[in-house]
């Protein structure tokens, strides 16, 4: 499988032998900076902590805290148990890395990255960026597992973790901006399975201090490990897109550190030879400017944090449904689903989140119809909304039968431009309309610190004690001062 999983006769622990190999110098090509790929490698290798602005630090720490929380919650899910049992059955000589919510259980670093990555996306509760991807889940689980891989005398600090995390996020954002197609809700492949794998490779390459040549190879190898089809959205297979991105990017960096080579122009648009351009038909790459001329994309483009565990598009229709429910209650004196004749949803065209009668929790998390009707019934959508009991409610199915989807031309499948509109047509012929252009949690209307902390505490409380929860909040909010970030990994068990 990989060096950290291979059987060996040496008495030296696998992690120490691996780190020894990582530390070896390699020859650096003199023309590295003359290509797009070379400029990316130079950025990964050369960027330092003082390049992170206060805005980037604050936003990235919010991302880290939220990602840990949804991962802890996700460790209670059925799909997480499936993947964990699979990983425990695999041969692992050097189990050193913690598993979310499983005190004392260790896996090899790449398997821990995979399992914890699955946890993060098991309920579709993780963050979303623009252009569309889930950036944190592919990067943070890999880094937390890698922190425990390194020997005691070389443990990375919290500042090291923050820098590597932001490198992984930045690489994803840069690659997404090379394509106009990437700005829209995806149709062919799940973006984190592609750019997330590249981001994980870049983050681990930075974390392990790989040189520019090794960074080039890590990106090239990662490109050969990337991709997952959108047909697996709304199934138990979708969370492994994030788990694989974390794991395979990690493995790509390890392989590069051990001398494996790939195409040195993997990110360039080379006529007749598709590299990363194979994923996007309108791919137009650009070099990253020298560090003194470069700022992080997170500085200008904030992140969306979800208030409930479902596809981001659901947040528009839920807020619109809650709004129209309140309006109908005010005007009719009482709100009763029995008086509704028809429910009109005005949403973008997106086939994989148009699911009239979802049968599973994963389909429900990707259903305009389910989420709007749940909000109409209950006045909100929460973690419990996707339980089997709520999924099978007769009242819910009666409402689902009344839903009609409309796709206005101005409502495009783009998280920067879309809106959600819910129209209630009552049996007495009265009509009420609710519309949401920007939900609370969107990057244009970000969650307050109080709301983000509340979400984290609620998620983490499913597996951790209150004292440990408060410790993690404090550790993340002061991460740049943490001397050994591997302690954070241990606190998540």
Protein backbone atom coordinates (compact mmCIF):
# COMPACT_ATOMS: atom_id res chain seq x y z
CA UNK A 1 0.00 0.00 0.00
CA UNK A 2 2.36 2.65 1.26
CA UNK A 3 5.53 2.90 3.27
CA UNK A 4 3.72 3.39 6.55
CA UNK A 5 1.67 0.27 5.89
CA UNK A 6 4.39 -1.99 4.53
CA UNK A 7 5.85 -4.87 6.48
CA UNK A 8 9.54 -4.51 7.27
CA UNK A 9 12.23 -6.41 9.13
CA UNK A 10 13.86 -3.28 10.48
CA UNK A 11 13.68 -2.72 14.24
CA UNK A 12 13.42 1.03 13.71
CA UNK A 13 9.80 2.28 14.01
CA UNK A 14 8.18 2.96 10.64
CA UNK A 15 7.41 6.59 11.46
CA UNK A 16 11.05 7.37 12.28
CA UNK A 17 12.34 5.67 9.14
CA UNK A 18 9.77 7.55 7.07
CA UNK A 19 10.67 10.89 8.61
CA UNK A 20 14.36 10.19 7.99
CA UNK A 21 13.61 9.68 4.31
CA UNK A 22 11.49 12.82 4.16
CA UNK A 23 14.33 14.90 5.53
CA UNK A 24 16.78 14.03 2.74
CA UNK A 25 17.67 16.76 0.28
CA UNK A 26 16.81 16.50 -3.40
CA UNK A 27 18.15 18.29 -6.44
CA UNK A 28 16.02 21.31 -7.33
CA UNK A 29 15.47 21.98 -11.01
CA UNK A 30 16.77 25.46 -11.93
CA UNK A 31 13.84 26.28 -14.23
CA UNK A 32 11.16 25.32 -11.72
CA UNK A 33 9.64 28.80 -11.50
CA UNK A 34 9.14 29.08 -15.26
CA UNK A 35 5.99 26.93 -15.23
CA UNK A 36 2.62 27.12 -13.52
CA UNK A 37 3.40 23.89 -11.66
CA UNK A 38 6.80 25.24 -10.63
CA UNK A 39 5.27 28.43 -9.28
CA UNK A 40 2.85 26.39 -7.17
CA UNK A 41 5.70 24.28 -5.83
CA UNK A 42 7.75 27.36 -5.01
CA UNK A 43 4.79 28.83 -3.17
CA UNK A 44 4.17 25.66 -1.16
CA UNK A 45 7.80 25.32 -0.22
CA UNK A 46 8.57 28.98 0.37
CA UNK A 47 5.55 30.50 2.09
CA UNK A 48 6.02 31.27 5.79
CA UNK A 49 3.74 31.95 8.75
CA UNK A 50 4.29 35.70 8.57
CA UNK A 51 2.55 35.70 5.19
CA UNK A 52 -0.74 34.90 6.96
CA UNK A 53 -2.72 38.07 7.68
CA UNK A 54 -4.89 38.51 10.77
CA UNK A 55 -7.98 38.02 8.58
CA UNK A 56 -6.66 34.75 7.17
CA UNK A 57 -5.68 33.52 10.63
CA UNK A 58 -9.10 34.32 12.08
CA UNK A 59 -11.03 32.78 9.20
CA UNK A 60 -8.90 29.65 9.03
CA UNK A 61 -9.23 29.04 12.78
CA UNK A 62 -13.01 29.27 12.39
CA UNK A 63 -12.76 26.67 9.62
CA UNK A 64 -10.62 24.38 11.76
CA UNK A 65 -12.97 24.58 14.75
CA UNK A 66 -16.06 23.96 12.63
CA UNK A 67 -14.40 21.07 10.82
CA UNK A 68 -13.41 19.39 14.06
CA UNK A 69 -16.96 19.75 15.35
CA UNK A 70 -18.67 18.25 12.32
CA UNK A 71 -16.07 15.48 12.32
CA UNK A 72 -16.81 14.62 15.93
CA UNK A 73 -20.53 14.54 15.20
CA UNK A 74 -19.88 12.50 12.08
CA UNK A 75 -18.07 9.88 14.14
CA UNK A 76 -21.52 8.83 15.40
CA UNK A 77 -22.82 8.08 11.89
CA UNK A 78 -23.41 4.68 10.29
CA UNK A 79 -21.20 5.39 7.28
CA UNK A 80 -18.32 6.29 9.62
CA UNK A 81 -18.71 2.94 11.38
CA UNK A 82 -18.59 1.13 8.04
CA UNK A 83 -15.34 2.85 7.07
CA UNK A 84 -13.78 2.48 10.52
CA UNK A 85 -14.48 -1.25 10.62
CA UNK A 86 -12.94 -1.57 7.15
CA UNK A 87 -9.78 0.28 8.23
CA UNK A 88 -9.43 -1.78 11.41
CA UNK A 89 -9.41 -4.94 9.30
CA UNK A 90 -6.54 -3.66 7.16
CA UNK A 91 -2.95 -4.45 8.04
CA UNK A 92 -1.43 -1.53 9.92
CA UNK A 93 1.98 -1.96 11.49
CA UNK A 94 2.31 1.48 13.00
CA UNK A 95 -1.03 2.72 14.45
CA UNK A 96 -0.09 6.13 15.82
CA UNK A 97 -2.89 8.48 14.73
CA UNK A 98 -6.14 9.16 16.60
CA UNK A 99 -9.66 8.47 15.38
CA UNK A 100 -12.39 11.01 16.09
CA UNK A 101 -14.57 10.02 19.01
CA UNK A 102 -12.87 6.66 19.60
CA UNK A 103 -10.75 6.99 22.73
CA UNK A 104 -7.56 4.93 22.64
CA UNK A 105 -8.07 3.63 19.10
CA UNK A 106 -5.20 4.36 16.70
CA UNK A 107 -4.75 3.77 12.99
CA UNK A 108 -1.88 4.32 10.62
CA UNK A 109 -1.70 8.02 9.66
CA UNK A 110 -3.18 7.72 6.17
CA UNK A 111 -6.02 5.48 7.35
CA UNK A 112 -6.76 7.89 10.19
CA UNK A 113 -6.85 10.72 7.65
CA UNK A 114 -9.29 8.68 5.55
CA UNK A 115 -11.56 7.70 8.44
CA UNK A 116 -11.70 11.16 9.98
CA UNK A 117 -12.24 12.69 6.53
CA UNK A 118 -15.26 10.42 6.11
CA UNK A 119 -16.54 11.58 9.50
CA UNK A 120 -16.30 15.21 8.44
CA UNK A 121 -18.54 14.71 5.39
CA UNK A 122 -20.74 11.89 6.66
CA UNK A 123 -23.64 14.28 7.29
CA UNK A 124 -22.72 16.95 4.72
CA UNK A 125 -22.23 19.41 7.58
CA UNK A 126 -18.77 20.71 6.60
CA UNK A 127 -17.90 24.12 5.20
CA UNK A 128 -18.29 25.24 1.58
CA UNK A 129 -16.24 27.73 -0.41
CA UNK A 130 -16.63 29.56 -3.71
CA UNK A 131 -15.93 28.31 -6.34
CA UNK A 132 -17.80 25.29 -5.05
CA UNK A 133 -15.93 22.81 -2.87
CA UNK A 134 -15.64 21.62 0.73
CA UNK A 135 -12.09 22.81 1.45
CA UNK A 136 -11.34 21.94 5.08
CA UNK A 137 -12.28 18.27 5.24
CA UNK A 138 -9.67 17.21 2.70
CA UNK A 139 -6.87 19.00 4.55
CA UNK A 140 -7.37 19.08 8.33
CA UNK A 141 -7.79 15.32 8.96
CA UNK A 142 -4.59 14.67 7.01
CA UNK A 143 -2.63 17.27 8.98
CA UNK A 144 -3.89 16.10 12.37
CA UNK A 145 -2.93 12.53 11.50
CA UNK A 146 0.48 13.63 10.17
CA UNK A 147 1.18 15.58 13.36
CA UNK A 148 1.14 12.30 15.26
CA UNK A 149 3.32 10.61 12.64
CA UNK A 150 6.35 12.79 13.29
CA UNK A 151 8.85 11.84 16.03
CA UNK A 152 8.79 13.51 19.43
CA UNK A 153 11.76 15.78 18.70
CA UNK A 154 10.15 17.08 15.51
CA UNK A 155 6.53 17.71 16.47
CA UNK A 156 4.95 20.57 14.49
CA UNK A 157 3.58 23.60 16.32
CA UNK A 158 0.15 25.13 16.04
CA UNK A 159 1.66 27.80 13.80
CA UNK A 160 2.98 25.05 11.53
CA UNK A 161 -0.50 23.52 11.39
CA UNK A 162 -2.11 26.85 10.53
CA UNK A 163 0.40 27.52 7.76
CA UNK A 164 0.08 24.07 6.20
CA UNK A 165 -3.72 24.22 6.49
CA UNK A 166 -3.83 27.54 4.66
CA UNK A 167 -1.48 26.24 1.97
CA UNK A 168 -3.89 23.35 1.38
CA UNK A 169 -6.86 25.71 1.21
CA UNK A 170 -5.04 28.16 -1.06
CA UNK A 171 -4.04 25.52 -3.61
CA UNK A 172 -7.67 24.39 -3.89
CA UNK A 173 -8.88 27.95 -4.41
CA UNK A 174 -6.26 28.71 -7.04
CA UNK A 175 -7.07 25.60 -9.05
CA UNK A 176 -10.82 26.26 -8.93
CA UNK A 177 -10.30 29.77 -10.27
CA UNK A 178 -8.68 28.41 -13.43
CA UNK A 179 -12.11 27.34 -14.69
CA UNK A 180 -15.41 29.20 -15.12
CA UNK A 181 -17.16 25.82 -15.06
CA UNK A 182 -15.90 25.28 -11.51
CA UNK A 183 -17.85 28.30 -10.26
CA UNK A 184 -21.19 26.50 -10.66
CA UNK A 185 -22.79 23.67 -8.69
CA UNK A 186 -20.98 20.59 -10.07
CA UNK A 187 -22.45 18.12 -12.53
CA UNK A 188 -19.68 15.66 -13.50
CA UNK A 189 -17.38 15.13 -10.51
CA UNK A 190 -17.36 16.12 -6.85
CA UNK A 191 -14.86 19.01 -6.55
CA UNK A 192 -13.25 18.02 -3.22
CA UNK A 193 -12.32 14.67 -4.71
CA UNK A 194 -10.20 16.59 -7.22
CA UNK A 195 -8.98 19.88 -5.76
CA UNK A 196 -9.21 18.48 -2.22
CA UNK A 197 -6.73 15.74 -3.09
CA UNK A 198 -4.38 18.38 -4.49
CA UNK A 199 -4.87 20.55 -1.39
CA UNK A 200 -4.12 17.65 0.93
CA UNK A 201 -0.92 16.86 -0.98
CA UNK A 202 0.17 20.50 -0.81
CA UNK A 203 -0.63 20.80 2.90
CA UNK A 204 1.28 17.64 3.81
CA UNK A 205 4.18 18.67 1.58
CA UNK A 206 4.39 21.92 3.50
CA UNK A 207 3.95 20.20 6.86
CA UNK A 208 6.80 17.77 6.10
CA UNK A 209 9.00 20.52 4.69
CA UNK A 210 9.40 19.01 1.24
CA UNK A 211 11.58 20.92 -1.19
CA UNK A 212 10.15 22.49 -4.39
CA UNK A 213 11.00 19.49 -6.57
CA UNK A 214 9.25 17.14 -4.17
CA UNK A 215 6.27 19.51 -4.07
CA UNK A 216 6.00 19.31 -7.86
CA UNK A 217 5.95 15.54 -7.66
CA UNK A 218 3.44 15.51 -4.81
CA UNK A 219 1.03 17.55 -6.95
CA UNK A 220 1.64 15.35 -9.98
CA UNK A 221 1.05 12.14 -8.04
CA UNK A 222 -2.05 13.59 -6.39
CA UNK A 223 -3.54 14.38 -9.80
CA UNK A 224 -3.31 10.68 -10.64
CA UNK A 225 -5.26 9.84 -7.49
CA UNK A 226 -8.02 12.43 -7.88
CA UNK A 227 -11.66 12.28 -8.89
CA UNK A 228 -15.09 10.88 -7.94
CA UNK A 229 -18.35 11.05 -9.94
CA UNK A 230 -21.36 13.09 -8.88
CA UNK A 231 -23.57 10.03 -9.35
CA UNK A 232 -22.50 8.98 -5.85
CA UNK A 233 -23.86 12.16 -4.29
CA UNK A 234 -26.68 11.47 -1.82
CA UNK A 235 -25.34 7.99 -1.11
CA UNK A 236 -23.12 6.48 1.58
CA UNK A 237 -20.26 6.64 -0.91
CA UNK A 238 -20.15 10.44 -1.02
CA UNK A 239 -18.36 10.89 2.34
CA UNK A 240 -15.47 8.75 1.11
CA UNK A 241 -14.80 11.47 -1.48
CA UNK A 242 -13.52 13.62 1.37
CA UNK A 243 -11.86 10.71 3.15
CA UNK A 244 -10.04 9.70 -0.01
CA UNK A 245 -8.98 13.27 -0.74
CA UNK A 246 -7.39 13.54 2.71
CA UNK A 247 -5.77 10.12 2.50
CA UNK A 248 -4.64 10.10 -1.13
CA UNK A 249 -3.18 13.60 -1.01
CA UNK A 250 -1.29 12.52 2.11
CA UNK A 251 -0.02 9.44 0.30
CA UNK A 252 1.00 11.50 -2.72
CA UNK A 253 3.21 13.70 -0.54
CA UNK A 254 4.73 10.65 1.17
CA UNK A 255 5.46 9.01 -2.17
CA UNK A 256 7.07 12.20 -3.44
CA UNK A 257 9.17 12.42 -0.28
CA UNK A 258 10.44 8.93 -1.01
CA UNK A 259 11.56 9.74 -4.53
CA UNK A 260 8.54 9.03 -6.74
CA UNK A 261 8.28 11.42 -9.68
CA UNK A 262 5.43 12.62 -11.84
CA UNK A 263 4.90 15.04 -14.70
CA UNK A 264 6.67 18.29 -13.82
CA UNK A 265 4.06 20.26 -15.80
CA UNK A 266 0.98 18.65 -14.31
CA UNK A 267 -0.80 21.97 -13.69
CA UNK A 268 0.22 23.59 -16.98
CA UNK A 269 -2.01 23.63 -20.03
CA UNK A 270 0.13 21.55 -22.37
CA UNK A 271 -1.39 21.09 -25.87
CA UNK A 272 -2.03 17.45 -26.69
CA UNK A 273 -1.19 16.22 -23.18
CA UNK A 274 -3.86 16.69 -20.54
CA UNK A 275 -2.69 17.13 -16.98
CA UNK A 276 -4.96 18.75 -14.41
CA UNK A 277 -6.79 20.25 -17.41
CA UNK A 278 -8.41 16.82 -17.91
CA UNK A 279 -10.90 17.78 -15.19
CA UNK A 280 -12.01 21.10 -16.70
CA UNK A 281 -12.81 21.82 -20.34
CA UNK A 282 -12.15 25.54 -19.96
CA UNK A 283 -8.96 25.27 -17.89
CA UNK A 284 -6.77 28.39 -18.05
CA UNK A 285 -3.98 28.19 -15.45
CA UNK A 286 -1.87 31.05 -14.20
CA UNK A 287 1.35 31.12 -12.25
CA UNK A 288 1.28 32.13 -8.60
CA UNK A 289 3.07 35.45 -8.27
CA UNK A 290 6.19 35.73 -6.07
CA UNK A 291 5.43 35.64 -2.36
CA UNK A 292 5.99 39.34 -1.84
CA UNK A 293 3.23 40.00 -4.42
CA UNK A 294 0.80 37.30 -3.27
CA UNK A 295 -2.07 37.36 -0.79
CA UNK A 296 -4.17 34.39 0.29
CA UNK A 297 -7.55 33.95 -1.39
CA UNK A 298 -9.17 33.44 2.01
CA UNK A 299 -8.42 37.11 2.61
CA UNK A 300 -10.97 38.12 -0.05
CA UNK A 301 -13.31 35.12 -0.17
CA UNK A 302 -14.78 33.99 3.15
CA UNK A 303 -16.30 30.57 3.87
CA UNK A 304 -19.90 29.42 4.26
CA UNK A 305 -20.71 27.49 7.45
CA UNK A 306 -23.84 25.36 7.57
CA UNK A 307 -26.40 25.61 10.37
CA UNK A 308 -27.81 22.14 9.73
CA UNK A 309 -26.34 19.01 8.06
CA UNK A 310 -27.37 19.17 4.41
CA UNK A 311 -26.17 20.31 1.00
CA UNK A 312 -25.48 24.04 0.95
CA UNK A 313 -28.27 24.72 -1.53
CA UNK A 314 -30.79 23.54 1.05
CA UNK A 315 -30.04 26.53 3.27
CA UNK A 316 -31.67 28.94 0.83
CA UNK A 317 -34.94 27.00 0.59
CA UNK A 318 -35.08 26.35 4.33
CA UNK A 319 -34.73 30.03 5.19
CA UNK A 320 -37.32 30.88 2.54
CA UNK A 321 -39.68 28.20 3.92
CA UNK A 322 -39.28 29.45 7.49
CA UNK A 323 -39.99 32.98 6.29
CA UNK A 324 -43.16 32.05 4.41
CA UNK A 325 -44.33 29.91 7.33
CA UNK A 326 -44.07 32.91 9.63
CA UNK A 327 -45.87 35.10 7.10
CA UNK A 328 -48.73 32.62 6.72
CA UNK A 329 -49.04 32.28 10.49
CA UNK A 330 -49.29 36.05 10.95
CA UNK A 331 -51.92 36.44 8.24
CA UNK A 332 -53.95 33.28 8.82
CA UNK A 333 -53.77 33.31 12.60
CA UNK A 334 -52.40 29.75 12.74
CA UNK A 335 -50.23 27.63 10.47
CA UNK A 336 -51.51 24.20 9.52
CA UNK A 337 -50.09 22.02 6.73
CA UNK A 338 -53.60 20.72 6.07
CA UNK A 339 -54.66 24.08 4.56
CA UNK A 340 -51.89 24.02 1.94
CA UNK A 341 -52.99 23.21 -1.59
CA UNK A 342 -49.64 23.62 -3.35
CA UNK A 343 -46.00 24.42 -2.54
CA UNK A 344 -43.96 26.07 -5.28
CA UNK A 345 -40.18 25.99 -4.99
CA UNK A 346 -38.24 28.34 -7.25
CA UNK A 347 -34.71 26.98 -7.33
CA UNK A 348 -31.83 26.48 -9.77
CA UNK A 349 -31.67 23.49 -12.07
CA UNK A 350 -29.50 20.89 -10.34
CA UNK A 351 -30.48 17.30 -10.87
CA UNK A 352 -28.72 15.71 -7.91
CA UNK A 353 -30.48 17.93 -5.36
CA UNK A 354 -33.89 17.59 -6.98
CA UNK A 355 -35.26 14.57 -5.10
CA UNK A 356 -39.06 14.61 -4.74
CA UNK A 357 -39.37 11.60 -2.40
CA UNK A 358 -36.04 10.83 -0.71
CA UNK A 359 -35.78 7.36 0.80
CA UNK A 360 -32.60 7.70 2.88
CA UNK A 361 -31.00 10.32 5.11
CA UNK A 362 -28.35 10.92 2.43
CA UNK A 363 -30.97 11.56 -0.24
CA UNK A 364 -32.85 13.80 2.19
CA UNK A 365 -29.75 15.94 2.72
CA UNK A 366 -29.76 16.50 -1.05
CA UNK A 367 -33.43 17.27 -1.58
CA UNK A 368 -34.92 20.72 -2.08
CA UNK A 369 -38.32 19.16 -1.45
CA UNK A 370 -37.51 17.40 1.82
CA UNK A 371 -35.74 20.35 3.41
CA UNK A 372 -38.38 22.92 2.52
CA UNK A 373 -41.21 20.66 3.70
CA UNK A 374 -39.38 19.83 6.94
CA UNK A 375 -38.95 23.55 7.60
CA UNK A 376 -42.64 24.15 6.92
CA UNK A 377 -43.64 21.37 9.33
CA UNK A 378 -41.22 22.13 12.15
CA UNK A 379 -40.22 25.77 11.69
CA UNK A 380 -36.56 24.75 11.32
CA UNK A 381 -34.20 22.00 10.14
CA UNK A 382 -31.74 20.34 12.51
CA UNK A 383 -29.62 17.22 12.98
CA UNK A 384 -32.73 15.32 14.11
CA UNK A 385 -34.66 16.24 10.96
CA UNK A 386 -32.83 13.48 9.08
CA UNK A 387 -33.62 10.67 11.51
CA UNK A 388 -35.51 7.66 10.20
CA UNK A 389 -38.53 8.63 12.30
CA UNK A 390 -38.77 12.10 10.81
CA UNK A 391 -37.99 10.83 7.33
CA UNK A 392 -41.00 8.50 7.43
CA UNK A 393 -43.57 10.95 8.85
CA UNK A 394 -46.97 10.78 7.15
CA UNK A 395 -47.36 14.55 7.43
CA UNK A 396 -44.07 15.05 5.61
CA UNK A 397 -45.06 12.75 2.76
CA UNK A 398 -48.38 14.53 2.38
CA UNK A 399 -46.52 17.83 1.95
CA UNK A 400 -44.00 16.33 -0.48
CA UNK A 401 -46.89 15.37 -2.78
CA UNK A 402 -47.85 19.05 -3.02
CA UNK A 403 -44.45 20.36 -4.13
CA UNK A 404 -43.91 21.81 -7.59
CA UNK A 405 -40.45 22.89 -8.73
CA UNK A 406 -39.92 25.90 -10.96
CA UNK A 407 -36.59 27.04 -12.41
CA UNK A 408 -36.54 30.78 -13.17
CA UNK A 409 -33.89 31.74 -15.71
CA UNK A 410 -32.31 34.22 -13.31
CA UNK A 411 -31.82 31.56 -10.63
CA UNK A 412 -28.55 29.95 -11.65
CA UNK A 413 -26.81 26.98 -10.06
CA UNK A 414 -24.05 29.03 -8.46
CA UNK A 415 -23.57 29.56 -4.73
CA UNK A 416 -22.67 33.20 -5.32
CA UNK A 417 -25.79 33.97 -7.40
CA UNK A 418 -28.63 31.56 -6.55
CA UNK A 419 -31.66 32.24 -4.39
CA UNK A 420 -34.46 30.19 -2.88
CA UNK A 421 -38.14 31.08 -3.08
CA UNK A 422 -41.07 29.23 -1.53
CA UNK A 423 -44.68 30.03 -2.44
CA UNK A 424 -47.58 28.62 -0.43
CA UNK A 425 -50.90 28.39 -2.23
CA UNK A 426 -53.62 27.74 0.35
CA UNK A 427 -56.93 26.04 -0.20
CA UNK A 428 -58.68 29.37 0.43
CA UNK A 429 -56.66 30.70 -2.57
CA UNK A 430 -54.46 32.96 -0.46
CA UNK A 431 -50.81 32.96 -1.50
CA UNK A 432 -47.71 33.74 0.55
CA UNK A 433 -44.15 34.05 -0.69
CA UNK A 434 -40.85 33.75 1.15
CA UNK A 435 -37.51 34.41 -0.48
CA UNK A 436 -33.91 34.04 0.64
CA UNK A 437 -31.05 35.65 -1.28
CA UNK A 438 -28.38 35.16 1.40
CA UNK A 439 -28.87 32.73 4.28
CA UNK A 440 -27.27 33.18 7.70
CA UNK A 441 -23.96 31.33 7.45
CA UNK A 442 -23.23 32.29 3.84
CA UNK A 443 -19.94 34.15 3.29
CA UNK A 444 -21.96 37.32 2.67
CA UNK A 445 -23.69 36.88 6.03
CA UNK A 446 -21.23 34.84 8.13
CA UNK A 447 -22.01 33.12 11.39
CA UNK A 448 -21.06 35.14 14.44
CA UNK A 449 -18.46 33.73 16.81
CA UNK A 450 -21.27 32.93 19.23
CA UNK A 451 -23.20 30.96 16.59
CA UNK A 452 -20.11 29.08 15.46
CA UNK A 453 -19.17 28.18 19.04
CA UNK A 454 -22.75 27.04 19.71
CA UNK A 455 -22.65 24.79 16.64
CA UNK A 456 -19.29 23.34 17.69
CA UNK A 457 -20.38 22.67 21.27
CA UNK A 458 -23.56 20.96 20.12
CA UNK A 459 -21.71 18.77 17.61
CA UNK A 460 -18.83 17.89 19.93
CA UNK A 461 -21.18 17.08 22.83
CA UNK A 462 -22.23 13.89 21.06
CA UNK A 463 -18.81 12.35 21.85
CA UNK A 464 -16.82 14.60 24.22
CA UNK A 465 -17.16 15.88 27.78
CA UNK A 466 -17.73 19.59 28.35
CA UNK A 467 -14.27 20.25 29.81
CA UNK A 468 -12.63 18.73 26.76
CA UNK A 469 -14.88 20.73 24.46
CA UNK A 470 -13.88 23.99 26.11
CA UNK A 471 -10.21 23.00 25.96
CA UNK A 472 -10.43 22.41 22.19
CA UNK A 473 -12.13 25.76 21.62
CA UNK A 474 -9.38 27.53 23.53
CA UNK A 475 -6.65 25.53 21.76
CA UNK A 476 -7.98 26.34 18.28
CA UNK A 477 -8.60 30.00 19.01
CA UNK A 478 -5.00 30.28 20.23
CA UNK A 479 -3.55 27.78 17.81
CA UNK A 480 -0.60 29.90 16.73
CA UNK A 481 0.71 29.69 20.31
CA UNK A 482 0.40 25.90 20.66
CA UNK A 483 3.86 24.32 20.93
CA UNK A 484 2.85 20.80 19.82
CA UNK A 485 -0.23 20.51 17.65
CA UNK A 486 -0.28 16.70 17.94
CA UNK A 487 -1.88 17.20 21.36
CA UNK A 488 -4.93 18.58 19.58
CA UNK A 489 -5.27 15.33 17.65
CA UNK A 490 -5.21 13.31 20.87
CA UNK A 491 -7.93 15.47 22.41
CA UNK A 492 -10.40 14.47 19.69
CA UNK A 493 -10.56 10.80 20.64
